[in-house]
Amino acid sequence: MQPKLYIDGKKYKRMVAGKAIAIGVMAALLIILALMKLSVDICEWYSLNVSANLIKAANALTGWIPFSLFEILIYAAVALAISFFIFIIVALCRKQFRRALNSFVNLALIVVIVGTVYGAFAILPYGRAPADIPAYENSQLEGEKVYDMTESYIAELSRLAKNQDRADNGELVISGGLEGLNESLQATYERVLTSDYYYDTDSKLKKWLWPELMSAFSISGIFFAPTAECNVCTAYYTTTTVAAAAHEMAHSKGVQRESDANLVSYYVMLNSEDKLVKYVGYYTLVNKMLLFVRDWCTEEEYEQLYAMLPDEYFADCEFAAAYSRSQGALGGIGTFFNNIYLQLSGTEDGVGDYNPGNETIIEQIPDGEGGIEEVARIEYSDVSKMLLYMFYDG
């Protein structure tokens, strides 16, 4: 007796209907998660009691793997998607419409399952309250104090810049490698972030097996919650690698929004006892410090402070720029999809959320003579307020 090479109509309809129902159930779960995200209280409870424990469980399974499981899954997903599309096109060309529809439904089912699993880990943390980082709220500053603050900051930047481990050509090196950087950052996060806001997790930094591909898409790092891995691209210059590692680790601690992850990682780096990590923090934020000088000091004072920046700082800027110029061949594609992902997650500004700037607000106040006077006020970003808390108010 010859085996059947086809599925009869009734069985086919039941099979497709069953998969369609499964897709509907998964989609409904995603909608429920999206609705729950509207409540900050629900997001806080879910993040600390569900997401954090899911990440801990995932880390227990993947933490011992010396390479990035997420990277392998990405390659497998791309290969699977290509296979499905080829199969569907071939089936359509042969007028095998049932097979084409069944393959399309299978692909859709896989997509919604992956989306639901990821959503269970990461959707609600996007709706949490702002990260618990100290801030200086008074936007009115004194020029003399701003100058002194920035002068002290640059002096510390210079001290750190001259005390780094460097290669013969002057490039910064990570002496302990990615493993040593992981231990240093974990210890700093544990020491600096004592608030209950943050997850008690220890997701590890993972180096990609093919970092050149990651850098081609201008991706310096990715935290993927379902595998609990902080994936870092080592094809960039050391300053970028360290900053990306700190940023992705912030995500692993329950800080999902990009602007908050930057804020937390900056605060951690500035407070680090590791000379390289601390230097990268000072290096990354010195331009924001100089913006205060632009706002509150004279042009001459700005030029005086700028002239104090050490040669090593400018050399590191050149190294970082050179590495970046050699990367990012497909950067537009990476930015495009990252922007879509962030907007779907509820971040209206998309990739603009990484680095929100200061705003000039025009306020209308009575002038005492029956009229209205317009007064400009600077509304500083969260990062600027954190810097003022540490260096101006402190």
Protein backbone atom coordinates (compact mmCIF):
# COMPACT_ATOMS: atom_id res chain seq x y z
CA MET A 1 0.00 0.00 0.00
CA GLN A 2 1.45 3.38 -1.04
CA PRO A 3 1.71 6.07 1.70
CA LYS A 4 -0.34 9.23 1.31
CA LEU A 5 1.64 12.11 -0.12
CA TYR A 6 -1.08 14.64 0.65
CA ILE A 7 -3.38 15.66 3.47
CA ASP A 8 -7.11 15.28 2.91
CA GLY A 9 -9.23 18.43 2.94
CA LYS A 10 -10.86 18.01 6.36
CA LYS A 11 -7.61 17.19 8.13
CA TYR A 12 -5.89 20.10 6.40
CA LYS A 13 -8.60 22.53 7.48
CA ARG A 14 -8.47 21.28 11.08
CA MET A 15 -4.69 21.59 11.13
CA VAL A 16 -4.67 25.15 9.77
CA ALA A 17 -7.56 26.14 12.03
CA GLY A 18 -5.73 24.77 15.09
CA LYS A 19 -2.61 26.75 14.24
CA ALA A 20 -4.69 29.87 13.58
CA ILE A 21 -6.29 29.49 17.01
CA ALA A 22 -2.84 29.14 18.59
CA ILE A 23 -1.72 32.31 16.78
CA GLY A 24 -4.82 34.09 18.06
CA VAL A 25 -4.16 32.97 21.64
CA MET A 26 -0.54 34.17 21.48
CA ALA A 27 -1.61 37.47 19.95
CA ALA A 28 -4.20 37.89 22.71
CA LEU A 29 -1.50 37.32 25.34
CA LEU A 30 0.63 40.01 23.72
CA ILE A 31 -2.33 42.40 23.76
CA ILE A 32 -2.93 41.62 27.44
CA LEU A 33 0.72 42.36 28.22
CA ALA A 34 0.48 45.61 26.26
CA LEU A 35 -2.61 46.64 28.24
CA MET A 36 -0.93 45.74 31.54
CA LYS A 37 1.97 47.98 30.50
CA LEU A 38 -0.34 51.00 30.82
CA SER A 39 -0.17 50.72 34.63
CA VAL A 40 3.13 51.69 36.24
CA ASP A 41 2.22 49.77 39.41
CA ILE A 42 1.54 46.58 37.46
CA CYS A 43 4.77 47.05 35.51
CA GLU A 44 6.76 47.45 38.73
CA TRP A 45 5.25 44.36 40.35
CA TYR A 46 5.57 42.23 37.23
CA SER A 47 9.13 43.36 36.53
CA LEU A 48 10.42 42.64 40.05
CA ASN A 49 8.47 39.42 40.61
CA VAL A 50 8.20 37.85 37.15
CA SER A 51 10.70 39.32 34.68
CA ALA A 52 13.56 39.31 37.19
CA ASN A 53 12.99 35.66 38.08
CA LEU A 54 12.63 34.66 34.42
CA ILE A 55 16.01 36.28 33.72
CA LYS A 56 17.55 34.51 36.72
CA ALA A 57 16.23 31.17 35.45
CA ALA A 58 17.49 31.84 31.93
CA ASN A 59 20.89 32.87 33.27
CA ALA A 60 21.13 29.60 35.22
CA LEU A 61 20.71 27.77 31.90
CA THR A 62 22.91 29.94 29.67
CA GLY A 63 25.45 31.49 32.03
CA TRP A 64 27.86 28.56 31.75
CA ILE A 65 27.93 28.70 27.92
CA PRO A 66 31.19 30.44 26.88
CA PHE A 67 29.69 31.96 23.72
CA SER A 68 26.53 33.89 22.88
CA LEU A 69 23.53 31.59 22.54
CA PHE A 70 21.57 34.57 21.26
CA GLU A 71 23.96 34.89 18.32
CA ILE A 72 23.42 31.24 17.37
CA LEU A 73 19.65 31.71 17.63
CA ILE A 74 19.84 34.76 15.36
CA TYR A 75 21.65 32.79 12.66
CA ALA A 76 19.20 29.90 13.04
CA ALA A 77 16.22 32.28 12.81
CA VAL A 78 17.56 33.90 9.64
CA ALA A 79 18.22 30.49 8.05
CA LEU A 80 14.75 29.29 9.06
CA ALA A 81 13.04 32.40 7.68
CA ILE A 82 14.89 32.11 4.36
CA SER A 83 13.97 28.41 4.14
CA PHE A 84 10.31 29.16 4.76
CA PHE A 85 10.20 31.93 2.15
CA ILE A 86 11.90 29.74 -0.44
CA PHE A 87 9.52 26.86 0.30
CA ILE A 88 6.49 29.18 0.05
CA ILE A 89 7.64 30.69 -3.25
CA VAL A 90 8.37 27.25 -4.75
CA ALA A 91 4.99 25.95 -3.58
CA LEU A 92 3.20 28.94 -5.12
CA CYS A 93 5.07 28.51 -8.40
CA ARG A 94 3.94 24.88 -8.48
CA LYS A 95 0.40 25.97 -7.56
CA GLN A 96 0.58 23.98 -4.31
CA PHE A 97 -1.47 26.57 -2.48
CA ARG A 98 -2.27 24.41 0.53
CA ARG A 99 1.39 23.78 1.21
CA ALA A 100 2.19 27.46 0.76
CA LEU A 101 -0.58 28.49 3.17
CA ASN A 102 0.44 25.84 5.70
CA SER A 103 4.07 27.02 5.59
CA PHE A 104 3.00 30.63 6.00
CA VAL A 105 0.85 29.73 9.00
CA ASN A 106 3.75 27.75 10.50
CA LEU A 107 6.05 30.74 10.08
CA ALA A 108 3.48 33.08 11.62
CA LEU A 109 3.05 30.69 14.55
CA ILE A 110 6.80 30.61 15.19
CA VAL A 111 6.96 34.42 15.06
CA VAL A 112 4.13 34.94 17.57
CA ILE A 113 5.54 32.27 19.91
CA VAL A 114 8.94 33.98 19.93
CA GLY A 115 7.25 37.37 20.33
CA THR A 116 5.16 36.14 23.25
CA VAL A 117 8.15 34.59 25.01
CA TYR A 118 10.13 37.80 24.57
CA GLY A 119 7.14 39.85 25.66
CA ALA A 120 6.83 37.84 28.87
CA PHE A 121 10.41 38.85 29.68
CA ALA A 122 10.63 42.40 28.43
CA ILE A 123 7.40 44.24 27.51
CA LEU A 124 6.30 45.39 30.96
CA PRO A 125 9.72 46.65 32.12
CA TYR A 126 9.34 49.37 29.46
CA GLY A 127 6.44 50.76 31.49
CA ARG A 128 8.32 51.04 34.78
CA ALA A 129 8.91 54.24 36.70
CA PRO A 130 12.08 56.20 35.83
CA ALA A 131 15.36 54.69 37.01
CA ASP A 132 16.26 55.44 40.62
CA ILE A 133 19.30 57.69 40.12
CA PRO A 134 19.93 60.87 42.19
CA ALA A 135 19.41 64.19 40.42
CA TYR A 136 19.98 67.91 41.03
CA GLU A 137 16.72 69.69 40.26
CA ASN A 138 17.65 73.40 40.39
CA SER A 139 18.28 74.63 36.83
CA GLN A 140 19.76 77.97 37.99
CA LEU A 141 23.53 77.61 38.37
CA GLU A 142 26.39 79.90 39.33
CA GLY A 143 29.05 80.46 36.68
CA GLU A 144 31.95 80.32 39.14
CA LYS A 145 30.81 77.02 40.62
CA VAL A 146 30.26 75.60 37.13
CA TYR A 147 33.82 76.55 36.17
CA ASP A 148 35.30 75.01 39.32
CA MET A 149 33.20 71.86 38.90
CA THR A 150 34.32 71.36 35.31
CA GLU A 151 37.95 72.14 36.12
CA SER A 152 37.95 69.44 38.83
CA TYR A 153 36.24 67.01 36.45
CA ILE A 154 38.84 67.57 33.73
CA ALA A 155 41.66 67.20 36.27
CA GLU A 156 40.29 63.78 37.25
CA LEU A 157 39.82 62.87 33.58
CA SER A 158 43.47 63.76 32.95
CA ARG A 159 44.66 61.71 35.91
CA LEU A 160 42.70 58.69 34.74
CA ALA A 161 43.75 59.08 31.10
CA LYS A 162 47.43 59.02 32.02
CA ASN A 163 47.04 55.98 34.27
CA GLN A 164 45.61 53.48 31.77
CA ASP A 165 47.03 50.29 30.31
CA ARG A 166 47.77 50.95 26.65
CA ALA A 167 49.26 49.14 23.69
CA ASP A 168 52.47 50.32 22.05
CA ASN A 169 50.50 52.52 19.65
CA GLY A 170 48.65 54.18 22.53
CA GLU A 171 45.36 52.31 22.22
CA LEU A 172 43.51 51.44 25.42
CA VAL A 173 43.42 47.77 26.32
CA ILE A 174 41.11 45.80 28.61
CA SER A 175 43.73 44.09 30.75
CA GLY A 176 41.47 41.36 32.13
CA GLY A 177 39.59 40.83 28.89
CA LEU A 178 35.81 40.64 28.72
CA GLU A 179 35.70 38.26 31.69
CA GLY A 180 37.59 40.73 33.88
CA LEU A 181 35.37 43.58 32.67
CA ASN A 182 32.31 41.50 33.53
CA GLU A 183 33.53 40.91 37.09
CA SER A 184 34.39 44.58 37.55
CA LEU A 185 31.02 45.83 36.30
CA GLN A 186 29.05 43.26 38.30
CA ALA A 187 30.87 44.31 41.48
CA THR A 188 30.29 48.00 40.74
CA TYR A 189 26.60 47.52 40.00
CA GLU A 190 26.17 45.59 43.23
CA ARG A 191 27.99 48.27 45.25
CA VAL A 192 26.50 51.38 43.65
CA LEU A 193 22.89 50.38 42.95
CA THR A 194 21.45 49.55 46.36
CA SER A 195 17.83 50.46 45.57
CA ASP A 196 15.15 47.75 45.38
CA TYR A 197 14.32 49.15 41.94
CA TYR A 198 17.02 46.99 40.32
CA TYR A 199 17.03 43.26 39.63
CA ASP A 200 19.33 41.07 41.68
CA THR A 201 20.71 39.35 38.58
CA ASP A 202 24.21 38.62 37.30
CA SER A 203 23.82 38.19 33.54
CA LYS A 204 27.22 37.75 31.94
CA LEU A 205 28.90 39.69 29.17
CA LYS A 206 29.19 37.54 26.05
CA LYS A 207 31.46 38.14 23.08
CA TRP A 208 30.03 37.44 19.66
CA LEU A 209 31.74 34.76 17.58
CA TRP A 210 31.36 37.04 14.55
CA PRO A 211 31.72 40.59 15.95
CA GLU A 212 32.41 42.04 12.49
CA LEU A 213 28.82 41.27 11.50
CA MET A 214 27.49 43.00 14.60
CA SER A 215 29.58 46.09 13.90
CA ALA A 216 28.54 46.10 10.23
CA PHE A 217 25.02 46.83 11.45
CA SER A 218 26.40 49.49 13.87
CA ILE A 219 25.38 47.39 16.87
CA SER A 220 27.72 47.81 19.83
CA GLY A 221 25.70 45.61 22.18
CA ILE A 222 22.41 43.77 22.72
CA PHE A 223 20.82 42.44 25.89
CA PHE A 224 18.42 39.61 25.02
CA ALA A 225 16.28 38.87 28.05
CA PRO A 226 15.15 35.30 27.14
CA THR A 227 18.79 34.14 27.10
CA ALA A 228 19.86 36.58 29.85
CA GLU A 229 23.01 37.51 27.90
CA CYS A 230 24.69 40.91 27.62
CA ASN A 231 26.09 40.61 24.11
CA VAL A 232 28.96 43.00 23.39
CA CYS A 233 30.68 43.77 20.10
CA THR A 234 34.46 43.71 20.50
CA ALA A 235 35.13 45.05 16.99
CA TYR A 236 34.85 48.62 18.26
CA TYR A 237 37.41 50.66 20.19
CA THR A 238 37.82 49.97 23.90
CA THR A 239 35.87 53.05 25.02
CA THR A 240 32.85 51.94 22.97
CA THR A 241 33.12 48.33 24.16
CA VAL A 242 33.27 49.29 27.85
CA ALA A 243 30.39 51.77 27.55
CA ALA A 244 28.29 49.21 25.66
CA ALA A 245 29.02 46.55 28.29
CA ALA A 246 27.88 48.87 31.08
CA HIS A 247 24.78 49.84 29.10
CA GLU A 248 23.70 46.25 28.36
CA MET A 249 24.29 45.26 31.97
CA ALA A 250 21.91 48.05 33.00
CA HIS A 251 19.25 46.39 30.84
CA SER A 252 19.89 43.12 32.67
CA LYS A 253 19.19 44.90 35.97
CA GLY A 254 15.65 45.80 34.90
CA VAL A 255 16.34 49.14 33.20
CA GLN A 256 14.69 48.60 29.84
CA ARG A 257 14.33 52.08 28.31
CA GLU A 258 17.46 53.17 26.45
CA SER A 259 17.72 56.64 28.01
CA ASP A 260 17.43 55.13 31.50
CA ALA A 261 20.00 52.44 30.66
CA ASN A 262 22.43 55.15 29.57
CA LEU A 263 21.73 57.15 32.73
CA VAL A 264 22.30 54.16 35.01
CA SER A 265 25.41 52.95 33.18
CA TYR A 266 26.95 56.44 33.27
CA TYR A 267 26.31 56.71 37.00
CA VAL A 268 27.84 53.29 37.59
CA MET A 269 30.92 54.02 35.48
CA LEU A 270 31.56 57.37 37.18
CA ASN A 271 31.41 55.62 40.57
CA SER A 272 33.54 52.64 39.57
CA GLU A 273 36.75 51.72 41.37
CA ASP A 274 38.08 50.18 38.16
CA LYS A 275 40.38 52.74 36.53
CA LEU A 276 39.37 51.83 32.96
CA VAL A 277 35.62 51.78 33.61
CA LYS A 278 35.80 55.08 35.49
CA TYR A 279 37.89 56.66 32.75
CA VAL A 280 35.38 55.62 30.09
CA GLY A 281 32.64 57.25 32.16
CA TYR A 282 34.58 60.51 32.44
CA TYR A 283 35.62 60.31 28.78
CA THR A 284 32.04 59.76 27.61
CA LEU A 285 30.50 62.63 29.58
CA VAL A 286 33.11 65.39 29.41
CA ASN A 287 31.28 67.07 26.52
CA LYS A 288 28.12 67.29 28.64
CA MET A 289 30.17 68.93 31.38
CA LEU A 290 31.47 71.48 28.89
CA LEU A 291 27.88 72.28 27.90
CA PHE A 292 27.34 73.64 31.41
CA VAL A 293 30.28 75.95 30.78
CA ARG A 294 28.70 77.07 27.50
CA ASP A 295 25.51 77.94 29.38
CA TRP A 296 26.95 79.68 32.44
CA CYS A 297 30.50 80.86 31.72
CA THR A 298 32.25 83.08 29.21
CA GLU A 299 33.70 81.93 25.89
CA GLU A 300 37.19 82.62 27.26
CA GLU A 301 36.53 80.38 30.27
CA TYR A 302 35.24 77.66 27.95
CA GLU A 303 38.42 77.82 25.88
CA GLN A 304 40.56 77.70 29.03
CA LEU A 305 38.87 74.52 30.21
CA TYR A 306 38.91 72.93 26.76
CA ALA A 307 42.67 73.54 26.59
CA MET A 308 43.07 71.52 29.81
CA LEU A 309 41.84 68.31 28.17
CA PRO A 310 44.73 65.81 28.03
CA ASP A 311 46.35 64.58 24.82
CA GLU A 312 45.35 61.02 25.71
CA TYR A 313 41.69 62.03 25.59
CA PHE A 314 42.00 63.38 22.05
CA ALA A 315 43.99 60.30 21.02
CA ASP A 316 41.22 58.04 22.31
CA CYS A 317 38.64 60.12 20.42
CA GLU A 318 40.66 59.60 17.24
CA PHE A 319 41.01 55.86 17.85
CA ALA A 320 37.27 55.53 18.49
CA ALA A 321 36.42 57.51 15.35
CA ALA A 322 38.81 55.42 13.24
CA TYR A 323 37.24 52.17 14.47
CA SER A 324 33.74 53.53 13.80
CA ARG A 325 34.64 54.65 10.27
CA SER A 326 35.73 51.11 9.44
CA GLN A 327 32.43 49.67 10.70
CA GLY A 328 28.75 50.26 10.02
CA ALA A 329 28.51 49.27 6.33
CA LEU A 330 24.92 48.18 7.03
CA GLY A 331 24.36 50.62 9.87
CA GLY A 332 21.26 52.11 8.30
CA ILE A 333 19.54 48.72 8.35
CA GLY A 334 20.43 48.12 11.99
CA THR A 335 19.21 51.58 13.00
CA PHE A 336 15.99 51.14 11.00
CA PHE A 337 14.99 47.91 12.74
CA ASN A 338 16.13 49.14 16.15
CA ASN A 339 13.98 52.23 15.69
CA ILE A 340 10.94 50.10 14.81
CA TYR A 341 11.53 47.82 17.80
CA LEU A 342 11.82 50.73 20.23
CA GLN A 343 8.69 52.42 18.89
CA LEU A 344 6.71 49.17 19.09
CA SER A 345 7.92 48.87 22.70
CA GLY A 346 6.34 52.23 23.49
CA THR A 347 9.37 54.51 23.07
CA GLU A 348 7.96 57.30 20.88
CA ASP A 349 11.36 58.82 20.07
CA GLY A 350 12.77 55.49 18.89
CA VAL A 351 16.56 55.64 18.65
CA GLY A 352 16.34 59.28 19.76
CA ASP A 353 15.69 57.93 23.25
CA TYR A 354 19.35 56.95 23.63
CA ASN A 355 20.55 60.50 24.16
CA PRO A 356 17.82 63.03 25.02
CA GLY A 357 19.25 66.53 25.22
CA ASN A 358 18.58 69.61 27.30
CA GLU A 359 15.59 71.80 26.43
CA THR A 360 15.18 75.56 26.50
CA ILE A 361 11.75 76.39 27.89
CA ILE A 362 10.19 79.82 27.42
CA GLU A 363 8.04 80.80 30.39
CA GLN A 364 5.65 83.74 30.44
CA ILE A 365 5.58 85.63 33.74
CA PRO A 366 4.03 88.96 34.82
CA ASP A 367 6.49 91.83 34.43
CA GLY A 368 4.99 93.84 37.33
CA GLU A 369 3.59 96.49 35.03
CA GLY A 370 0.53 94.62 33.82
CA GLY A 371 2.36 92.97 30.95
CA ILE A 372 3.92 89.58 30.27
CA GLU A 373 7.64 88.92 30.11
CA GLU A 374 9.16 85.88 28.42
CA VAL A 375 11.96 84.22 30.37
CA ALA A 376 14.11 81.39 29.04
CA ARG A 377 14.84 78.48 31.36
CA ILE A 378 17.02 75.43 30.71
CA GLU A 379 15.42 72.09 31.47
CA TYR A 380 18.36 69.74 31.88
CA SER A 381 18.25 66.09 30.82
CA ASP A 382 18.36 63.33 33.42
CA VAL A 383 22.03 62.72 32.65
CA SER A 384 22.84 66.41 33.15
CA LYS A 385 20.92 66.44 36.44
CA MET A 386 22.87 63.39 37.59
CA LEU A 387 26.16 65.11 36.75
CA LEU A 388 25.10 68.22 38.65
CA TYR A 389 24.17 66.07 41.65
CA MET A 390 27.60 64.41 41.64
CA PHE A 391 29.86 67.33 40.82
CA TYR A 392 27.99 70.61 41.39
CA ASP A 393 25.87 69.87 44.42
CA GLY A 394 28.23 67.28 45.87
